[in-house]
Amino acid sequence: MDIESLRLYCLQKQGVSEELPFGPDTLVFKVGPKIFLLIGLDQIDVLSFNVKCDPELAVELRESYPQTVFPGFHMNKKHWNTVFTNREANDHLLQEWIDHSYELVFRGLSKNQQDEIKEME
């Protein structure tokens, strides 16, 4: 997976926006007002991104994919993973982990925010 395919995958999800709130080198994807994925734009040879994860699943993924999934860099390590692309996990798995992050964050939104996003086309 490259950065552009990751970007397009995130943007096709309902209610998603992309922003640069931490400066020009970190692209952030939000569902509503909440972040579900961050990626550094200064990466050249190795691509990684941070996604939110259920704490129990986060530990399981880190154990199952020790060269790919790590505690979230500069994030709450209980709830965030840093995932490296093009290692042990194929694009389908990476997309599943992105989906999981999106769903976790979406479910954490208020009912009104969820309803507004569901009504978007």
N, C-alpha and C. Protein backbone atom coordinates (compact mmCIF):
# COMPACT_ATOMS: atom_id res chain seq x y z
N MET A 1 0.85 -1.18 0.00
CA MET A 1 0.00 0.00 0.00
C MET A 1 0.89 1.24 0.00
N ASP A 2 0.59 2.17 -0.85
CA ASP A 2 1.33 3.43 -0.87
C ASP A 2 0.47 4.53 -0.25
N ILE A 3 1.06 5.69 -0.07
CA ILE A 3 0.37 6.76 0.64
C ILE A 3 -0.88 7.23 -0.10
N GLU A 4 -0.84 7.26 -1.42
CA GLU A 4 -2.00 7.74 -2.17
C GLU A 4 -3.16 6.75 -2.10
N SER A 5 -2.88 5.45 -2.17
CA SER A 5 -3.97 4.48 -2.05
C SER A 5 -4.54 4.49 -0.63
N LEU A 6 -3.70 4.69 0.37
CA LEU A 6 -4.18 4.81 1.75
C LEU A 6 -5.06 6.05 1.88
N ARG A 7 -4.63 7.14 1.33
CA ARG A 7 -5.39 8.40 1.38
C ARG A 7 -6.76 8.23 0.72
N LEU A 8 -6.78 7.66 -0.46
CA LEU A 8 -8.05 7.47 -1.17
C LEU A 8 -8.97 6.51 -0.42
N TYR A 9 -8.39 5.48 0.19
CA TYR A 9 -9.20 4.54 0.97
C TYR A 9 -9.87 5.25 2.14
N CYS A 10 -9.13 6.09 2.84
CA CYS A 10 -9.70 6.81 3.98
C CYS A 10 -10.78 7.80 3.53
N LEU A 11 -10.52 8.52 2.45
CA LEU A 11 -11.45 9.56 2.01
C LEU A 11 -12.76 9.01 1.48
N GLN A 12 -12.81 7.75 1.09
CA GLN A 12 -14.06 7.20 0.58
C GLN A 12 -15.04 6.85 1.70
N LYS A 13 -14.58 6.92 2.93
CA LYS A 13 -15.45 6.62 4.07
C LYS A 13 -16.35 7.81 4.39
N GLN A 14 -17.51 7.51 4.86
CA GLN A 14 -18.51 8.54 5.13
C GLN A 14 -18.07 9.47 6.26
N GLY A 15 -18.19 10.78 6.01
CA GLY A 15 -17.91 11.78 7.03
C GLY A 15 -16.44 12.04 7.29
N VAL A 16 -15.56 11.61 6.38
CA VAL A 16 -14.12 11.75 6.60
C VAL A 16 -13.59 13.04 5.98
N SER A 17 -12.71 13.69 6.72
CA SER A 17 -12.00 14.86 6.21
C SER A 17 -10.51 14.63 6.44
N GLU A 18 -9.70 15.35 5.66
CA GLU A 18 -8.25 15.30 5.86
C GLU A 18 -7.77 16.70 6.22
N GLU A 19 -6.85 16.75 7.15
CA GLU A 19 -6.36 18.03 7.66
C GLU A 19 -4.88 17.93 7.98
N LEU A 20 -4.27 19.09 8.21
CA LEU A 20 -2.87 19.17 8.62
C LEU A 20 -2.77 19.99 9.92
N PRO A 21 -3.43 19.56 11.00
CA PRO A 21 -3.47 20.37 12.22
C PRO A 21 -2.16 20.44 12.98
N PHE A 22 -1.25 19.52 12.71
CA PHE A 22 0.02 19.48 13.44
C PHE A 22 1.18 19.98 12.59
N GLY A 23 0.89 20.65 11.51
CA GLY A 23 1.92 21.16 10.62
C GLY A 23 1.89 20.44 9.29
N PRO A 24 2.75 20.86 8.37
CA PRO A 24 2.69 20.36 6.99
C PRO A 24 3.18 18.93 6.79
N ASP A 25 3.74 18.31 7.82
CA ASP A 25 4.32 16.97 7.66
C ASP A 25 3.45 15.84 8.18
N THR A 26 2.31 16.14 8.80
CA THR A 26 1.45 15.08 9.35
C THR A 26 0.03 15.24 8.83
N LEU A 27 -0.38 14.29 8.01
CA LEU A 27 -1.73 14.27 7.46
C LEU A 27 -2.63 13.50 8.42
N VAL A 28 -3.77 14.11 8.75
CA VAL A 28 -4.69 13.55 9.72
C VAL A 28 -6.03 13.30 9.04
N PHE A 29 -6.60 12.13 9.29
CA PHE A 29 -7.93 11.81 8.79
C PHE A 29 -8.87 11.74 9.98
N LYS A 30 -10.00 12.44 9.85
CA LYS A 30 -10.98 12.51 10.93
C LYS A 30 -12.32 12.01 10.42
N VAL A 31 -13.07 11.39 11.33
CA VAL A 31 -14.48 11.13 11.09
C VAL A 31 -15.19 12.09 12.03
N GLY A 32 -15.97 13.00 11.44
CA GLY A 32 -16.51 14.08 12.23
C GLY A 32 -15.34 14.88 12.79
N PRO A 33 -15.36 15.20 14.09
CA PRO A 33 -14.27 15.99 14.66
C PRO A 33 -13.12 15.17 15.25
N LYS A 34 -13.18 13.85 15.13
CA LYS A 34 -12.21 12.99 15.83
C LYS A 34 -11.25 12.28 14.86
N ILE A 35 -10.00 12.19 15.27
CA ILE A 35 -8.95 11.56 14.46
C ILE A 35 -9.08 10.04 14.51
N PHE A 36 -8.96 9.40 13.33
CA PHE A 36 -8.89 7.94 13.30
C PHE A 36 -7.61 7.43 12.63
N LEU A 37 -6.86 8.30 11.93
CA LEU A 37 -5.61 7.88 11.30
C LEU A 37 -4.71 9.09 11.12
N LEU A 38 -3.42 8.88 11.39
CA LEU A 38 -2.40 9.90 11.15
C LEU A 38 -1.29 9.27 10.33
N ILE A 39 -0.72 10.07 9.43
CA ILE A 39 0.39 9.57 8.62
C ILE A 39 1.37 10.71 8.35
N GLY A 40 2.65 10.40 8.49
CA GLY A 40 3.68 11.39 8.22
C GLY A 40 3.91 11.53 6.72
N LEU A 41 3.93 12.75 6.24
CA LEU A 41 4.14 13.00 4.81
C LEU A 41 5.61 13.04 4.44
N ASP A 42 6.48 12.98 5.41
CA ASP A 42 7.91 13.05 5.15
C ASP A 42 8.55 11.66 4.99
N GLN A 43 7.75 10.62 4.94
CA GLN A 43 8.26 9.26 4.81
C GLN A 43 8.64 9.00 3.35
N ILE A 44 9.77 8.37 3.14
CA ILE A 44 10.22 8.11 1.77
C ILE A 44 10.33 6.61 1.50
N ASP A 45 11.22 5.94 2.21
CA ASP A 45 11.46 4.52 1.92
C ASP A 45 10.50 3.58 2.65
N VAL A 46 10.06 3.97 3.83
CA VAL A 46 9.20 3.12 4.65
C VAL A 46 7.96 3.92 5.02
N LEU A 47 6.79 3.31 4.82
CA LEU A 47 5.54 4.00 5.11
C LEU A 47 4.87 3.39 6.34
N SER A 48 4.48 4.24 7.27
CA SER A 48 3.73 3.78 8.45
C SER A 48 2.64 4.79 8.76
N PHE A 49 1.65 4.33 9.50
CA PHE A 49 0.56 5.21 9.92
C PHE A 49 0.08 4.77 11.29
N ASN A 50 -0.59 5.68 12.00
CA ASN A 50 -1.15 5.39 13.32
C ASN A 50 -2.66 5.26 13.20
N VAL A 51 -3.19 4.20 13.83
CA VAL A 51 -4.63 3.98 13.87
C VAL A 51 -5.05 3.63 15.29
N LYS A 52 -6.27 4.00 15.62
CA LYS A 52 -6.84 3.65 16.91
C LYS A 52 -7.20 2.17 16.91
N CYS A 53 -7.14 1.54 18.09
CA CYS A 53 -7.39 0.10 18.15
C CYS A 53 -7.93 -0.27 19.53
N ASP A 54 -8.84 -1.22 19.55
CA ASP A 54 -9.30 -1.78 20.81
C ASP A 54 -8.08 -2.29 21.57
N PRO A 55 -7.94 -1.97 22.86
CA PRO A 55 -6.73 -2.34 23.60
C PRO A 55 -6.37 -3.83 23.55
N GLU A 56 -7.35 -4.72 23.67
CA GLU A 56 -7.05 -6.15 23.62
C GLU A 56 -6.59 -6.57 22.23
N LEU A 57 -7.24 -6.05 21.21
CA LEU A 57 -6.84 -6.36 19.84
C LEU A 57 -5.47 -5.77 19.53
N ALA A 58 -5.18 -4.60 20.09
CA ALA A 58 -3.88 -3.97 19.85
C ALA A 58 -2.75 -4.89 20.29
N VAL A 59 -2.88 -5.47 21.47
CA VAL A 59 -1.86 -6.39 21.98
C VAL A 59 -1.77 -7.62 21.08
N GLU A 60 -2.91 -8.17 20.70
CA GLU A 60 -2.93 -9.35 19.84
C GLU A 60 -2.25 -9.08 18.50
N LEU A 61 -2.52 -7.92 17.90
CA LEU A 61 -1.91 -7.59 16.61
C LEU A 61 -0.41 -7.40 16.74
N ARG A 62 0.01 -6.79 17.82
CA ARG A 62 1.46 -6.58 18.04
C ARG A 62 2.18 -7.92 18.19
N GLU A 63 1.52 -8.88 18.83
CA GLU A 63 2.13 -10.21 19.00
C GLU A 63 2.10 -11.00 17.69
N SER A 64 1.03 -10.87 16.93
CA SER A 64 0.86 -11.64 15.69
C SER A 64 1.68 -11.07 14.53
N TYR A 65 1.93 -9.76 14.56
CA TYR A 65 2.65 -9.09 13.47
C TYR A 65 3.78 -8.25 14.05
N PRO A 66 4.80 -8.91 14.61
CA PRO A 66 5.84 -8.18 15.34
C PRO A 66 6.72 -7.27 14.49
N GLN A 67 6.72 -7.45 13.18
CA GLN A 67 7.50 -6.58 12.29
C GLN A 67 6.65 -5.48 11.66
N THR A 68 5.35 -5.49 11.97
CA THR A 68 4.41 -4.59 11.30
C THR A 68 3.67 -3.68 12.26
N VAL A 69 3.24 -4.19 13.40
CA VAL A 69 2.38 -3.44 14.33
C VAL A 69 3.13 -3.18 15.64
N PHE A 70 3.17 -1.90 16.00
CA PHE A 70 3.89 -1.46 17.20
C PHE A 70 3.00 -0.53 18.01
N PRO A 71 3.32 -0.34 19.30
CA PRO A 71 2.58 0.65 20.07
C PRO A 71 2.65 2.01 19.36
N GLY A 72 1.56 2.76 19.42
CA GLY A 72 1.47 4.02 18.68
C GLY A 72 2.57 5.01 19.02
N PHE A 73 3.32 5.40 18.01
CA PHE A 73 4.40 6.37 18.16
C PHE A 73 3.79 7.74 18.47
N HIS A 74 4.22 8.36 19.56
CA HIS A 74 3.71 9.66 20.01
C HIS A 74 2.21 9.64 20.32
N MET A 75 1.67 8.46 20.65
CA MET A 75 0.23 8.33 20.92
C MET A 75 0.04 7.55 22.22
N ASN A 76 -1.19 7.47 22.68
CA ASN A 76 -1.52 6.62 23.82
C ASN A 76 -1.31 5.17 23.38
N LYS A 77 -0.32 4.52 23.92
CA LYS A 77 0.08 3.19 23.44
C LYS A 77 -0.92 2.10 23.76
N LYS A 78 -1.85 2.37 24.64
CA LYS A 78 -2.89 1.40 24.94
C LYS A 78 -3.95 1.39 23.82
N HIS A 79 -4.20 2.53 23.23
CA HIS A 79 -5.30 2.67 22.28
C HIS A 79 -4.87 2.91 20.83
N TRP A 80 -3.59 3.08 20.58
CA TRP A 80 -3.13 3.39 19.22
C TRP A 80 -1.99 2.47 18.82
N ASN A 81 -2.01 2.08 17.55
CA ASN A 81 -0.94 1.29 16.96
C ASN A 81 -0.28 2.07 15.83
N THR A 82 1.01 1.88 15.70
CA THR A 82 1.72 2.31 14.50
C THR A 82 1.87 1.08 13.62
N VAL A 83 1.42 1.21 12.38
CA VAL A 83 1.40 0.09 11.44
C VAL A 83 2.31 0.42 10.26
N PHE A 84 3.22 -0.49 9.95
CA PHE A 84 4.10 -0.34 8.79
C PHE A 84 3.51 -1.11 7.61
N THR A 85 3.48 -0.46 6.48
CA THR A 85 2.95 -1.10 5.28
C THR A 85 4.04 -1.95 4.63
N ASN A 86 3.62 -2.82 3.75
CA ASN A 86 4.52 -3.62 2.93
C ASN A 86 5.48 -4.48 3.74
N ARG A 87 4.98 -5.03 4.82
CA ARG A 87 5.76 -5.97 5.63
C ARG A 87 4.97 -7.28 5.72
N GLU A 88 4.49 -7.65 6.91
CA GLU A 88 3.80 -8.93 7.09
C GLU A 88 2.33 -8.89 6.69
N ALA A 89 1.74 -7.73 6.64
CA ALA A 89 0.30 -7.62 6.38
C ALA A 89 0.05 -7.14 4.96
N ASN A 90 -0.91 -7.79 4.29
CA ASN A 90 -1.27 -7.35 2.94
C ASN A 90 -2.21 -6.16 3.02
N ASP A 91 -2.53 -5.59 1.87
CA ASP A 91 -3.38 -4.40 1.82
C ASP A 91 -4.76 -4.66 2.43
N HIS A 92 -5.28 -5.85 2.24
CA HIS A 92 -6.60 -6.17 2.79
C HIS A 92 -6.58 -6.07 4.32
N LEU A 93 -5.56 -6.62 4.95
CA LEU A 93 -5.44 -6.52 6.42
C LEU A 93 -5.27 -5.07 6.86
N LEU A 94 -4.45 -4.33 6.14
CA LEU A 94 -4.26 -2.93 6.48
C LEU A 94 -5.59 -2.18 6.42
N GLN A 95 -6.37 -2.47 5.40
CA GLN A 95 -7.69 -1.84 5.27
C GLN A 95 -8.61 -2.26 6.40
N GLU A 96 -8.54 -3.50 6.83
CA GLU A 96 -9.35 -3.95 7.98
C GLU A 96 -8.99 -3.15 9.23
N TRP A 97 -7.71 -2.90 9.44
CA TRP A 97 -7.27 -2.16 10.62
C TRP A 97 -7.69 -0.69 10.52
N ILE A 98 -7.67 -0.14 9.33
CA ILE A 98 -8.16 1.23 9.13
C ILE A 98 -9.66 1.27 9.41
N ASP A 99 -10.39 0.27 8.89
CA ASP A 99 -11.84 0.19 9.13
C ASP A 99 -12.14 0.10 10.63
N HIS A 100 -11.37 -0.71 11.33
CA HIS A 100 -11.56 -0.87 12.78
C HIS A 100 -11.38 0.47 13.49
N SER A 101 -10.34 1.20 13.13
CA SER A 101 -10.09 2.50 13.73
C SER A 101 -11.25 3.46 13.44
N TYR A 102 -11.67 3.51 12.20
CA TYR A 102 -12.79 4.37 11.80
C TYR A 102 -14.03 4.04 12.63
N GLU A 103 -14.36 2.74 12.72
CA GLU A 103 -15.56 2.33 13.45
C GLU A 103 -15.47 2.65 14.94
N LEU A 104 -14.30 2.43 15.55
CA LEU A 104 -14.12 2.77 16.97
C LEU A 104 -14.38 4.26 17.21
N VAL A 105 -13.79 5.07 16.36
CA VAL A 105 -13.93 6.52 16.54
C VAL A 105 -15.37 6.94 16.25
N PHE A 106 -15.97 6.39 15.19
CA PHE A 106 -17.35 6.72 14.85
C PHE A 106 -18.28 6.38 16.01
N ARG A 107 -18.12 5.20 16.59
CA ARG A 107 -18.98 4.78 17.70
C ARG A 107 -18.80 5.66 18.94
N GLY A 108 -17.64 6.33 19.04
CA GLY A 108 -17.38 7.22 20.16
C GLY A 108 -17.98 8.61 19.99
N LEU A 109 -18.50 8.90 18.81
CA LEU A 109 -19.13 10.20 18.57
C LEU A 109 -20.50 10.25 19.22
N SER A 110 -20.99 11.45 19.42
CA SER A 110 -22.34 11.60 19.97
C SER A 110 -23.36 11.07 18.97
N LYS A 111 -24.54 10.76 19.44
CA LYS A 111 -25.61 10.28 18.57
C LYS A 111 -25.92 11.31 17.48
N ASN A 112 -25.94 12.58 17.84
CA ASN A 112 -26.20 13.63 16.85
C ASN A 112 -25.12 13.65 15.77
N GLN A 113 -23.84 13.55 16.19
CA GLN A 113 -22.75 13.54 15.21
C GLN A 113 -22.85 12.31 14.30
N GLN A 114 -23.15 11.16 14.89
CA GLN A 114 -23.31 9.94 14.08
C GLN A 114 -24.43 10.11 13.07
N ASP A 115 -25.57 10.65 13.52
CA ASP A 115 -26.71 10.84 12.62
C ASP A 115 -26.38 11.79 11.48
N GLU A 116 -25.65 12.87 11.78
CA GLU A 116 -25.25 13.83 10.75
C GLU A 116 -24.36 13.15 9.70
N ILE A 117 -23.45 12.31 10.15
CA ILE A 117 -22.55 11.62 9.22
C ILE A 117 -23.32 10.61 8.39
N LYS A 118 -24.23 9.89 9.01
CA LYS A 118 -25.03 8.90 8.28
C LYS A 118 -25.88 9.55 7.18
N GLU A 119 -26.27 10.81 7.39
CA GLU A 119 -27.09 11.52 6.41
C GLU A 119 -26.28 12.08 5.25
N MET A 120 -24.96 12.12 5.37
CA MET A 120 -24.10 12.63 4.30
C MET A 120 -24.10 11.67 3.12
N GLU A 121 -23.89 12.23 1.95
CA GLU A 121 -23.75 11.37 0.77
C GLU A 121 -22.35 11.35 0.27
